[in-house]
Amino acid sequence: MPSVLQKEQRQAYDRDGYILVREFFDTEETALLRAAIDKDPAIRGHFYDRGDAEGMTTKLATWNHPGDSVYGIAARSCKMVDTMEDLLGGEVYHYHSKITAKEPYEGGAWEWHQDYGYWYNNGCLFPYMASAMLALDKCTKANGCLQVLKGSHDLGRIDHGLLDGNQVGADAKRVEQAQQRLERIYCEMDPGDVLFFHCNTLHRSDQNRSPDRRWTLICCYNAARNNPFKEHHHPRYTPLEKVPDTAIKAAGLKFSDPSHEDAFLRKAKAPPDLKRKGGKLFTSG
């Protein structure tokens, strides 16, 4: 189970809850990914908006199975999967991927949250989950780069609730205390950089008030041994077929196959199901 991470990077992930790997995808790979995602009609046709408290929106498109598109190949590439298997301590499968698109001057903010704050309610018993965020554009403070609280994964899962703007965020009082004790990191990234982060790492982002767009591809993984105990619109364990890293460039500008990927893209178009049961808020994530 090789990994692209060096020993010091692996230790930093365990300590800090994240690691930023520069030039994880090279210039040609990144250009292919950006062009395919930008031109794929299945992506453009299945964007949905997620608003913030001020009414500004981020566009998203989500799918469960990676398929054979160039961005599906990237999610199945040895360097991506081997690194996730290193971080999560064994076999992983693809939980879902999504595009987050913050357009110039109108891209919305995301409030502090943990991914496991959602995924816990999807039947994932253990926090053996992580995400890999690939920068398709330059991500800066000005256009709303991701922010993380360093070491916040050690807080464990924090209760989440419905916020203004149809977002679900972490308990504000606990987040306030965490911010007083933990360092906030602005993860400024160049195209091709990848941020790997633990599912309990608190993260957020600001609005894009710049003339530059900020698009990212986020690939999320679950440990095979953490198979969800209930059905959900994100998948239970599905064996992941790894492909050589060379397959990314070989795929070229290959779009998603509508007969395979369009079904779950359409399903993901609706916002998460939010229900109150016994006074508690549940979210599908």
Protein backbone atom coordinates (compact mmCIF):
# COMPACT_ATOMS: atom_id res chain seq x y z
CA MET A 1 0.00 0.00 0.00
CA PRO A 2 2.41 2.72 -1.19
CA SER A 3 1.65 6.40 -0.66
CA VAL A 4 2.95 9.63 -2.11
CA LEU A 5 3.23 11.02 1.41
CA GLN A 6 6.58 11.25 3.12
CA LYS A 7 6.92 10.09 6.73
CA GLU A 8 6.83 13.68 8.00
CA GLN A 9 3.68 14.43 5.98
CA ARG A 10 1.99 11.32 7.32
CA GLN A 11 2.82 12.36 10.87
CA ALA A 12 1.54 15.88 10.17
CA TYR A 13 -1.80 14.48 9.01
CA ASP A 14 -2.21 12.50 12.22
CA ARG A 15 -1.25 15.54 14.31
CA ASP A 16 -3.06 18.30 12.43
CA GLY A 17 -5.97 16.53 10.73
CA TYR A 18 -4.91 17.63 7.23
CA ILE A 19 -1.97 17.74 4.85
CA LEU A 20 -1.53 19.90 1.75
CA VAL A 21 0.41 18.18 -1.03
CA ARG A 22 1.73 20.57 -3.66
CA GLU A 23 1.59 19.53 -7.35
CA PHE A 24 -0.11 16.22 -6.53
CA PHE A 25 -1.41 16.33 -10.09
CA ASP A 26 1.04 17.70 -12.65
CA THR A 27 0.32 20.53 -15.06
CA GLU A 28 -0.95 18.33 -17.89
CA GLU A 29 -3.16 16.24 -15.60
CA THR A 30 -4.62 19.35 -13.99
CA ALA A 31 -5.29 20.98 -17.36
CA LEU A 32 -7.16 17.86 -18.54
CA LEU A 33 -9.22 17.70 -15.37
CA ARG A 34 -10.09 21.36 -15.48
CA ALA A 35 -11.02 21.28 -19.16
CA ALA A 36 -13.14 18.14 -18.85
CA ILE A 37 -15.04 19.39 -15.81
CA ASP A 38 -15.50 22.82 -17.36
CA LYS A 39 -16.89 21.41 -20.64
CA ASP A 40 -18.79 18.32 -19.48
CA PRO A 41 -22.52 18.96 -20.06
CA ALA A 42 -23.40 16.43 -17.35
CA ILE A 43 -21.62 18.63 -14.81
CA ARG A 44 -23.03 21.90 -16.09
CA GLY A 45 -26.50 20.43 -16.35
CA HIS A 46 -26.60 19.16 -12.78
CA PHE A 47 -25.33 22.08 -10.76
CA TYR A 48 -27.47 23.04 -7.80
CA ASP A 49 -27.07 26.07 -5.56
CA ARG A 50 -26.31 26.12 -1.85
CA GLY A 51 -26.91 29.51 -0.29
CA ASP A 52 -25.23 31.22 2.64
CA ALA A 53 -26.71 33.52 5.27
CA GLU A 54 -26.37 36.53 2.96
CA GLY A 55 -27.99 34.90 -0.04
CA MET A 56 -24.81 34.31 -2.02
CA THR A 57 -24.50 30.83 -3.52
CA THR A 58 -21.98 28.11 -4.29
CA LYS A 59 -22.76 25.79 -7.19
CA LEU A 60 -22.33 22.07 -6.59
CA ALA A 61 -22.59 18.85 -8.56
CA THR A 62 -22.29 15.49 -6.77
CA TRP A 63 -21.96 11.86 -7.89
CA ASN A 64 -21.41 8.57 -6.12
CA HIS A 65 -19.45 6.32 -8.48
CA PRO A 66 -16.30 7.55 -10.21
CA GLY A 67 -16.77 5.88 -13.60
CA ASP A 68 -14.35 6.29 -16.51
CA SER A 69 -14.40 10.06 -17.03
CA VAL A 70 -11.01 11.71 -16.60
CA TYR A 71 -12.05 12.98 -13.16
CA GLY A 72 -13.36 9.50 -12.31
CA ILE A 73 -10.00 8.07 -13.35
CA ALA A 74 -8.26 10.64 -11.12
CA ALA A 75 -10.36 9.48 -8.16
CA ARG A 76 -9.39 5.87 -8.93
CA SER A 77 -5.72 6.57 -9.65
CA CYS A 78 -3.17 4.65 -7.63
CA LYS A 79 -1.62 7.76 -6.14
CA MET A 80 -4.98 8.99 -4.88
CA VAL A 81 -6.32 5.68 -3.60
CA ASP A 82 -3.03 4.45 -2.15
CA THR A 83 -2.65 7.69 -0.22
CA MET A 84 -6.19 7.41 1.15
CA GLU A 85 -5.56 3.79 2.12
CA ASP A 86 -2.43 4.91 3.93
CA LEU A 87 -4.35 7.64 5.80
CA LEU A 88 -7.33 5.43 6.65
CA GLY A 89 -5.36 2.28 7.46
CA GLY A 90 -6.66 -0.19 4.89
CA GLU A 91 -8.89 -0.69 1.88
CA VAL A 92 -11.10 2.26 0.94
CA TYR A 93 -13.96 2.84 -1.44
CA HIS A 94 -15.25 5.93 -3.20
CA TYR A 95 -17.99 7.51 -1.07
CA HIS A 96 -18.78 10.36 -3.43
CA SER A 97 -17.20 13.23 -5.36
CA LYS A 98 -18.38 16.76 -5.95
CA ILE A 99 -17.52 19.98 -7.72
CA THR A 100 -17.70 23.15 -5.64
CA ALA A 101 -17.86 26.19 -7.89
CA LYS A 102 -17.54 29.68 -6.45
CA GLU A 103 -18.09 32.16 -9.23
CA PRO A 104 -16.49 35.63 -9.22
CA TYR A 105 -18.17 38.11 -6.85
CA GLU A 106 -21.06 35.77 -6.05
CA GLY A 107 -19.66 32.53 -4.65
CA GLY A 108 -21.12 31.89 -1.20
CA ALA A 109 -19.52 31.16 2.16
CA TRP A 110 -19.55 27.82 3.99
CA GLU A 111 -19.95 27.81 7.75
CA TRP A 112 -17.78 25.77 10.13
CA HIS A 113 -18.60 22.08 9.86
CA GLN A 114 -17.17 18.58 9.91
CA ASP A 115 -17.94 16.16 7.10
CA TYR A 116 -18.55 13.46 9.69
CA GLY A 117 -21.19 15.74 11.18
CA TYR A 118 -23.21 14.70 8.10
CA TRP A 119 -21.85 11.25 7.36
CA TYR A 120 -22.45 9.96 10.90
CA ASN A 121 -26.18 10.26 10.21
CA ASN A 122 -25.72 8.31 6.98
CA GLY A 123 -24.93 5.16 8.96
CA CYS A 124 -21.13 5.41 8.98
CA LEU A 125 -20.31 4.16 12.47
CA PHE A 126 -16.64 5.14 12.67
CA PRO A 127 -14.84 8.29 11.49
CA TYR A 128 -12.67 6.24 9.13
CA MET A 129 -13.32 8.71 6.34
CA ALA A 130 -11.43 11.51 4.60
CA SER A 131 -11.61 13.91 1.68
CA ALA A 132 -9.16 15.04 -0.99
CA MET A 133 -9.72 18.54 -2.36
CA LEU A 134 -8.08 19.24 -5.72
CA ALA A 135 -7.64 22.88 -6.69
CA LEU A 136 -8.76 23.39 -10.29
CA ASP A 137 -8.19 27.15 -9.97
CA LYS A 138 -5.88 29.17 -7.77
CA CYS A 139 -7.47 29.25 -4.31
CA THR A 140 -6.73 32.35 -2.24
CA LYS A 141 -8.14 34.22 0.73
CA ALA A 142 -9.74 36.63 -1.72
CA ASN A 143 -11.75 34.02 -3.63
CA GLY A 144 -12.74 31.89 -0.64
CA CYS A 145 -10.08 29.23 -0.10
CA LEU A 146 -10.74 26.49 2.45
CA GLN A 147 -9.94 27.25 6.09
CA VAL A 148 -9.25 24.56 8.68
CA LEU A 149 -8.77 24.54 12.44
CA LYS A 150 -5.46 22.80 12.97
CA GLY A 151 -5.86 19.72 15.19
CA SER A 152 -9.66 20.00 15.38
CA HIS A 153 -10.11 16.37 14.32
CA ASP A 154 -9.14 15.46 17.89
CA LEU A 155 -12.33 17.14 19.14
CA GLY A 156 -14.35 14.18 17.91
CA ARG A 157 -17.71 14.58 16.25
CA ILE A 158 -19.54 17.81 17.14
CA ASP A 159 -23.33 18.09 16.99
CA HIS A 160 -24.55 19.83 13.82
CA GLY A 161 -27.73 21.80 13.16
CA LEU A 162 -29.54 23.77 10.50
CA LEU A 163 -28.18 27.27 9.88
CA ASP A 164 -29.35 30.23 7.84
CA GLY A 165 -29.00 29.76 4.09
CA ASN A 166 -29.92 26.03 4.05
CA GLN A 167 -26.55 24.93 5.40
CA VAL A 168 -25.87 22.52 8.25
CA GLY A 169 -23.05 23.58 10.56
CA ALA A 170 -21.27 22.64 13.77
CA ASP A 171 -22.46 23.77 17.21
CA ALA A 172 -21.51 27.47 17.41
CA LYS A 173 -20.49 27.44 21.08
CA ARG A 174 -18.05 24.59 20.59
CA VAL A 175 -16.67 26.15 17.43
CA GLU A 176 -16.12 29.42 19.30
CA GLN A 177 -14.14 27.62 22.01
CA ALA A 178 -12.18 25.66 19.42
CA GLN A 179 -11.19 28.86 17.61
CA GLN A 180 -9.77 30.26 20.85
CA ARG A 181 -7.50 27.25 21.29
CA LEU A 182 -6.65 26.09 17.77
CA GLU A 183 -4.86 27.82 14.90
CA ARG A 184 -6.89 28.75 11.83
CA ILE A 185 -5.10 27.86 8.58
CA TYR A 186 -6.00 29.41 5.23
CA CYS A 187 -5.28 26.68 2.70
CA GLU A 188 -4.18 28.73 -0.29
CA MET A 189 -3.59 26.38 -3.21
CA ASP A 190 -2.38 26.40 -6.78
CA PRO A 191 -4.04 24.29 -9.50
CA GLY A 192 -2.98 20.66 -9.06
CA ASP A 193 -2.45 20.91 -5.30
CA VAL A 194 -4.49 18.50 -3.15
CA LEU A 195 -5.59 18.97 0.44
CA PHE A 196 -6.23 15.72 2.31
CA PHE A 197 -8.31 16.22 5.46
CA HIS A 198 -9.86 14.07 8.18
CA CYS A 199 -13.65 13.82 8.32
CA ASN A 200 -13.68 15.43 11.81
CA THR A 201 -11.51 18.41 10.81
CA LEU A 202 -13.47 21.63 11.22
CA HIS A 203 -13.41 23.63 7.99
CA ARG A 204 -15.17 26.55 6.32
CA SER A 205 -14.66 29.09 3.54
CA ASP A 206 -15.45 32.75 2.88
CA GLN A 207 -17.43 34.26 0.03
CA ASN A 208 -15.70 34.89 -3.27
CA ARG A 209 -15.53 38.67 -3.54
CA SER A 210 -12.78 38.62 -6.17
CA PRO A 211 -12.84 38.65 -10.00
CA ASP A 212 -11.39 35.11 -10.02
CA ARG A 213 -13.49 31.95 -9.90
CA ARG A 214 -12.69 29.19 -7.40
CA TRP A 215 -13.53 25.68 -8.54
CA THR A 216 -12.43 22.54 -6.69
CA LEU A 217 -12.97 18.81 -7.10
CA ILE A 218 -13.48 16.99 -3.79
CA CYS A 219 -13.19 13.19 -3.71
CA CYS A 220 -14.43 11.55 -0.51
CA TYR A 221 -13.52 8.06 0.67
CA ASN A 222 -14.71 5.63 3.33
CA ALA A 223 -12.82 2.69 4.79
CA ALA A 224 -14.15 -0.65 3.52
CA ARG A 225 -14.35 -1.85 7.13
CA ASN A 226 -16.66 1.10 7.91
CA ASN A 227 -19.48 -0.11 5.67
CA PRO A 228 -22.61 1.94 6.53
CA PHE A 229 -25.20 -0.01 8.51
CA LYS A 230 -28.17 1.52 6.67
CA GLU A 231 -29.16 2.40 3.13
CA HIS A 232 -28.52 5.93 2.00
CA HIS A 233 -28.15 7.85 -1.23
CA HIS A 234 -24.37 7.61 -0.77
CA PRO A 235 -23.18 4.05 -1.34
CA ARG A 236 -22.35 1.20 0.94
CA TYR A 237 -19.05 -0.58 0.32
CA THR A 238 -18.42 -0.88 -3.41
CA PRO A 239 -15.07 -2.36 -4.51
CA LEU A 240 -12.92 0.34 -6.08
CA GLU A 241 -10.95 -0.56 -9.18
CA LYS A 242 -7.66 1.30 -9.01
CA VAL A 243 -6.01 2.37 -12.25
CA PRO A 244 -2.40 3.38 -13.02
CA ASP A 245 -1.58 7.06 -12.69
CA THR A 246 -0.79 7.09 -16.40
CA ALA A 247 -4.49 6.45 -17.11
CA ILE A 248 -5.30 10.08 -16.28
CA LYS A 249 -3.49 11.46 -19.31
CA ALA A 250 -4.54 8.49 -21.43
CA ALA A 251 -8.20 9.32 -20.71
CA GLY A 252 -7.86 12.75 -22.30
CA LEU A 253 -10.97 14.93 -22.31
CA LYS A 254 -13.27 12.05 -21.46
CA PHE A 255 -16.61 13.12 -20.03
CA SER A 256 -18.95 11.18 -17.78
CA ASP A 257 -21.08 8.44 -19.33
CA PRO A 258 -24.72 9.58 -18.98
CA SER A 259 -25.93 5.98 -18.92
CA HIS A 260 -23.81 5.33 -15.83
CA GLU A 261 -23.21 8.57 -13.97
CA ASP A 262 -26.20 10.73 -14.86
CA ALA A 263 -28.61 8.87 -12.57
CA PHE A 264 -26.84 9.75 -9.36
CA LEU A 265 -25.99 13.24 -10.56
CA ARG A 266 -29.71 13.84 -10.96
CA LYS A 267 -30.42 12.36 -7.54
CA ALA A 268 -27.90 14.69 -5.97
CA LYS A 269 -29.45 17.77 -7.55
CA ALA A 270 -31.87 18.23 -4.67
CA PRO A 271 -30.57 19.72 -1.40
CA PRO A 272 -29.90 17.31 1.50
CA ASP A 273 -32.97 15.93 3.27
CA LEU A 274 -33.45 17.79 6.52
CA LYS A 275 -35.84 16.25 9.02
CA ARG A 276 -36.58 16.83 12.65
CA LYS A 277 -37.23 13.74 14.75
CA GLY A 278 -37.71 13.97 18.47
CA GLY A 279 -36.43 17.55 18.48
CA LYS A 280 -33.15 16.58 16.81
CA LEU A 281 -31.99 17.55 13.36
CA PHE A 282 -30.90 14.88 10.93
CA THR A 283 -29.18 15.54 7.63
CA SER A 284 -28.38 13.27 4.73
CA GLY A 285 -25.13 15.15 4.09
